[in-house]
Protein backbone atom coordinates (compact mmCIF):
# COMPACT_ATOMS: atom_id res chain seq x y z
CA MET A 1 133.37 51.48 -46.06
CA GLN A 2 130.02 53.15 -45.42
CA LEU A 3 131.52 55.44 -42.76
CA ASP A 4 134.58 56.60 -44.68
CA GLY A 5 135.60 60.07 -43.50
CA LYS A 6 133.34 60.03 -40.44
CA VAL A 7 134.51 60.59 -36.86
CA ALA A 8 133.00 58.55 -34.03
CA ILE A 9 133.19 58.56 -30.25
CA VAL A 10 132.44 55.30 -28.45
CA THR A 11 132.07 55.58 -24.68
CA GLY A 12 132.82 52.50 -22.67
CA GLY A 13 134.92 51.57 -25.67
CA GLY A 14 137.62 49.82 -23.68
CA SER A 15 135.80 46.51 -23.35
CA GLY A 16 132.73 44.47 -24.18
CA ILE A 17 130.17 45.81 -26.62
CA GLY A 18 131.94 49.19 -26.80
CA ARG A 19 135.19 47.58 -27.91
CA ALA A 20 133.35 45.57 -30.57
CA ILE A 21 131.56 48.67 -31.84
CA ALA A 22 134.82 50.65 -31.98
CA HIS A 23 136.36 47.92 -34.12
CA GLY A 24 133.26 47.71 -36.30
CA LEU A 25 133.07 51.44 -36.99
CA ALA A 26 136.79 51.53 -37.77
CA ARG A 27 136.36 48.70 -40.28
CA GLU A 28 133.73 50.83 -41.99
CA GLY A 29 136.22 53.68 -42.39
CA ALA A 30 135.50 55.87 -39.36
CA ALA A 31 138.16 57.51 -37.24
CA VAL A 32 137.40 56.42 -33.69
CA VAL A 33 137.77 58.08 -30.31
CA VAL A 34 137.78 55.33 -27.69
CA ALA A 35 136.57 56.80 -24.41
CA ASP A 36 136.65 54.80 -21.20
CA ILE A 37 136.97 55.50 -17.50
CA ALA A 38 139.88 53.04 -17.56
CA GLY A 39 142.43 54.85 -19.70
CA GLU A 40 144.65 51.81 -20.08
CA ARG A 41 141.80 49.77 -21.58
CA ALA A 42 141.03 52.55 -24.04
CA ALA A 43 144.69 52.73 -25.03
CA GLU A 44 144.79 48.97 -25.63
CA VAL A 45 141.83 49.15 -28.00
CA VAL A 46 143.38 52.09 -29.83
CA SER A 47 146.57 50.07 -30.30
CA GLU A 48 144.48 47.30 -31.86
CA LEU A 49 142.73 49.75 -34.17
CA VAL A 50 145.91 51.49 -35.28
CA ALA A 51 147.57 48.13 -35.92
CA ALA A 52 144.66 47.34 -38.23
CA GLY A 53 145.21 50.57 -40.15
CA ALA A 54 142.56 52.78 -38.54
CA GLN A 55 142.82 56.30 -37.15
CA ALA A 56 142.06 56.32 -33.44
CA ILE A 57 142.81 58.06 -30.16
CA ALA A 58 142.09 57.16 -26.55
CA VAL A 59 140.50 59.54 -24.05
CA GLN A 60 140.11 58.65 -20.39
CA THR A 61 136.61 59.80 -19.53
CA ASP A 62 134.19 59.57 -16.64
CA VAL A 63 130.99 60.12 -18.60
CA SER A 64 129.06 61.23 -15.51
CA GLN A 65 131.21 64.36 -15.25
CA THR A 66 130.28 67.30 -17.48
CA ALA A 67 133.82 68.64 -17.74
CA GLU A 68 135.16 65.26 -18.82
CA ALA A 69 132.41 64.74 -21.39
CA ASP A 70 133.13 68.18 -22.83
CA ALA A 71 136.86 67.45 -22.88
CA MET A 72 136.20 64.15 -24.68
CA VAL A 73 134.37 65.94 -27.49
CA ASP A 74 137.00 68.68 -27.61
CA ALA A 75 139.71 66.04 -28.00
CA ALA A 76 137.85 64.42 -30.88
CA VAL A 77 137.41 67.73 -32.69
CA ALA A 78 140.98 68.85 -32.00
CA ARG A 79 142.34 65.65 -33.56
CA PHE A 80 139.88 65.01 -36.38
CA ALA A 81 138.25 68.45 -36.95
CA ARG A 82 134.66 67.20 -36.65
CA LEU A 83 132.33 64.77 -34.91
CA ASP A 84 129.73 62.70 -36.74
CA ILE A 85 128.84 59.81 -34.43
CA LEU A 86 128.40 59.35 -30.68
CA VAL A 87 127.78 55.88 -29.26
CA ASN A 88 126.69 56.20 -25.62
CA ASN A 89 127.70 52.74 -24.48
CA ALA A 90 129.34 53.32 -21.08
CA GLY A 91 127.26 51.76 -18.34
CA ARG A 92 127.05 50.43 -14.81
CA ALA A 93 124.91 47.63 -13.43
CA ALA A 94 123.78 46.77 -9.93
CA ARG A 95 121.30 44.23 -8.66
CA GLY A 96 119.52 44.51 -5.35
CA PHE A 97 116.09 44.91 -3.83
CA VAL A 98 114.95 48.49 -3.37
CA ALA A 99 114.34 48.05 0.36
CA GLU A 100 117.98 47.10 0.81
CA MET A 101 119.68 49.37 -1.72
CA THR A 102 121.92 52.21 -0.57
CA ASP A 103 121.75 55.74 -1.92
CA GLU A 104 125.27 55.30 -3.26
CA ALA A 105 124.44 52.17 -5.26
CA TRP A 106 121.38 53.86 -6.81
CA ASP A 107 123.18 57.12 -7.58
CA ASP A 108 126.18 55.38 -9.13
CA VAL A 109 124.09 53.56 -11.75
CA ILE A 110 121.94 56.60 -12.56
CA ALA A 111 125.00 58.84 -12.80
CA VAL A 112 126.79 56.69 -15.39
CA ASN A 113 123.87 55.31 -17.37
CA LEU A 114 121.45 58.23 -17.50
CA ARG A 115 123.42 61.35 -16.62
CA GLY A 116 126.32 60.08 -18.74
CA THR A 117 124.07 59.66 -21.77
CA PHE A 118 122.73 63.17 -21.22
CA VAL A 119 126.01 65.05 -20.72
CA CYS A 120 127.81 63.24 -23.55
CA SER A 121 124.90 63.85 -25.94
CA ARG A 122 124.76 67.52 -24.98
CA ALA A 123 128.50 67.89 -25.57
CA ALA A 124 128.31 66.16 -28.95
CA LEU A 125 125.39 68.31 -30.07
CA GLN A 126 127.53 71.43 -29.75
CA GLN A 127 129.40 70.09 -32.79
CA MET A 128 126.61 68.25 -34.58
CA ILE A 129 124.04 71.04 -34.62
CA PRO A 130 126.30 73.56 -36.46
CA GLN A 131 127.25 70.78 -38.90
CA ARG A 132 123.54 70.01 -39.37
CA SER A 133 124.33 66.32 -39.28
CA GLY A 134 125.11 63.59 -36.77
CA ARG A 135 124.23 60.20 -35.37
CA ILE A 136 123.69 59.34 -31.69
CA ILE A 137 123.27 55.73 -30.61
CA ASN A 138 122.30 54.95 -27.00
CA THR A 139 122.57 51.58 -25.28
CA ALA A 140 119.28 50.64 -23.64
CA SER A 141 118.02 47.31 -22.27
CA GLY A 142 114.94 45.12 -22.22
CA LEU A 143 114.84 45.82 -18.49
CA GLY A 144 113.84 49.37 -19.43
CA LEU A 145 110.57 47.97 -20.77
CA ARG A 146 109.63 45.46 -18.08
CA GLY A 147 110.21 44.79 -14.42
CA SER A 148 112.67 42.42 -12.83
CA PRO A 149 113.12 41.64 -9.12
CA GLY A 150 116.42 43.17 -8.10
CA GLY A 151 116.68 45.13 -11.33
CA ALA A 152 114.92 48.37 -10.36
CA VAL A 153 117.82 50.79 -10.60
CA TYR A 154 119.29 49.37 -13.80
CA GLY A 155 115.84 49.11 -15.37
CA ALA A 156 114.90 52.63 -14.31
CA SER A 157 118.06 54.05 -15.86
CA LYS A 158 117.45 52.21 -19.12
CA ALA A 159 113.75 53.16 -19.25
CA ALA A 160 114.82 56.78 -18.93
CA ILE A 161 117.35 56.32 -21.75
CA ILE A 162 114.60 54.98 -24.01
CA ASN A 163 112.44 58.04 -23.40
CA PHE A 164 115.47 60.33 -23.68
CA THR A 165 116.23 58.77 -27.07
CA ARG A 166 112.72 59.34 -28.39
CA SER A 167 112.49 62.88 -27.04
CA LEU A 168 115.94 63.97 -28.23
CA ALA A 169 115.26 62.51 -31.68
CA GLN A 170 112.33 64.90 -32.03
CA GLU A 171 114.35 67.86 -30.78
CA VAL A 172 117.22 67.51 -33.24
CA ALA A 173 115.59 66.05 -36.35
CA ARG A 174 115.49 69.49 -37.98
CA TYR A 175 119.30 69.60 -37.84
CA GLY A 176 119.73 66.34 -39.73
CA ILE A 177 120.70 64.48 -36.55
CA THR A 178 119.27 61.04 -35.72
CA VAL A 179 119.03 59.48 -32.26
CA ASN A 180 118.37 55.77 -31.82
CA ALA A 181 118.83 53.09 -29.16
CA ILE A 182 119.78 49.44 -29.15
CA SER A 183 118.90 46.81 -26.57
CA PRO A 184 121.49 44.03 -26.82
CA GLY A 185 119.74 41.56 -24.52
CA VAL A 186 121.85 39.02 -22.68
CA THR A 187 125.40 39.48 -23.94
CA ASP A 188 128.64 38.03 -22.64
CA THR A 189 130.28 41.20 -21.35
CA PRO A 190 132.17 42.13 -18.18
CA ILE A 191 129.15 44.11 -16.92
CA TRP A 192 126.90 41.04 -17.33
CA ARG A 193 129.33 38.76 -15.55
CA THR A 194 129.69 41.11 -12.56
CA VAL A 195 126.03 40.77 -11.54
CA ARG A 196 125.62 37.02 -12.01
CA PRO A 197 126.91 34.07 -9.95
CA GLU A 198 129.31 31.74 -11.77
CA GLU A 199 126.88 28.83 -11.92
CA GLU A 200 124.20 31.06 -13.51
CA ILE A 201 126.71 32.30 -16.08
CA GLU A 202 127.66 28.75 -17.00
CA GLU A 203 124.03 27.72 -17.35
CA ALA A 204 123.20 30.72 -19.53
CA LEU A 205 126.17 30.07 -21.81
CA LYS A 206 125.07 26.45 -22.25
CA SER A 207 121.55 27.57 -23.20
CA GLY A 208 122.74 29.30 -26.36
CA ARG A 209 120.79 32.47 -25.60
CA VAL A 210 123.77 34.63 -24.67
CA GLY A 211 124.81 36.98 -27.44
CA ARG A 212 128.28 37.97 -28.57
CA THR A 213 129.63 41.50 -28.19
CA GLU A 214 129.87 41.89 -31.98
CA ASP A 215 126.26 40.92 -32.70
CA PHE A 216 124.96 44.51 -32.88
CA VAL A 217 127.93 45.96 -34.78
CA PRO A 218 126.38 45.73 -38.29
CA LEU A 219 123.20 47.40 -37.03
CA VAL A 220 125.08 50.22 -35.32
CA ALA A 221 127.16 50.80 -38.46
CA PHE A 222 123.99 50.95 -40.55
CA LEU A 223 122.26 53.41 -38.21
CA CYS A 224 125.38 55.60 -38.35
CA SER A 225 125.49 55.56 -42.15
CA GLU A 226 123.76 57.77 -44.70
CA ALA A 227 121.37 54.93 -45.51
CA GLY A 228 120.39 54.67 -41.85
CA GLY A 229 119.41 58.32 -41.67
CA VAL A 230 115.75 57.53 -42.30
CA HIS A 231 115.49 55.93 -38.84
CA THR A 232 115.28 58.07 -35.71
CA GLY A 233 113.68 57.76 -32.29
CA VAL A 234 113.77 53.98 -32.60
CA MET A 235 114.82 51.35 -30.07
CA ILE A 236 115.77 48.01 -31.57
CA ASP A 237 115.33 45.30 -28.96
CA ARG A 238 117.04 41.93 -29.28
CA ASP A 239 114.62 40.62 -26.64
CA LEU A 240 111.95 40.55 -29.35
CA PHE A 241 113.84 37.69 -30.94
CA VAL A 242 115.84 36.05 -28.14
CA ALA A 243 114.73 35.49 -24.56
CA GLY A 244 116.98 37.63 -22.36
CA ASP A 245 116.97 40.14 -19.59
CA GLU A 246 120.19 42.10 -19.47
CA ARG A 247 123.20 43.07 -21.54
């Protein structure tokens, strides 16, 4: 129970990696705010957490909207009186060549992945800085470190998140706040399945290189703990160990 008494927000917590992280943090004793653009998915996860004995609330949130990000943090503080952890996991993916990509497709991915990470972090810091403590975990990707045909917008958003993580870590270290990023690699999530044809999904699953949504949970819990406070400005990349290209 290394997070006993802590309060965590997990964006994109209604499915995939976010759902797994919400469950993992709750098992470690944290009260969890499950934020998701699909309110019904967030509510389902909260029902699971409460049934397991955890404290949890659901907040329908479009992370790209400043007012909704602020309201998400306000809801967490109103219910649990503090905020210790923010996991910026909400994300969008799109594949397409730059010459053929619409403005709308580009803007949608940047708005959720990059702007969402920014506005949610800024909202959380309004609570964490006065507390002089906090943990922010951002979801990056190996595509933020290397190119991929058809992956320009997703990769650009994740590259920006990596730099944002490193820069913000330096800004807030003096307040006892850490900021780190994880790169899950190929993971069997709804977002991964939406950008891959069925035959490619089947082949990848047979290869054994596709991760599970719960694979990063122990690491996230550690980075959020007191023991993990020595690490900041770090991106931990599963692609160093397993061949993969996208979460």
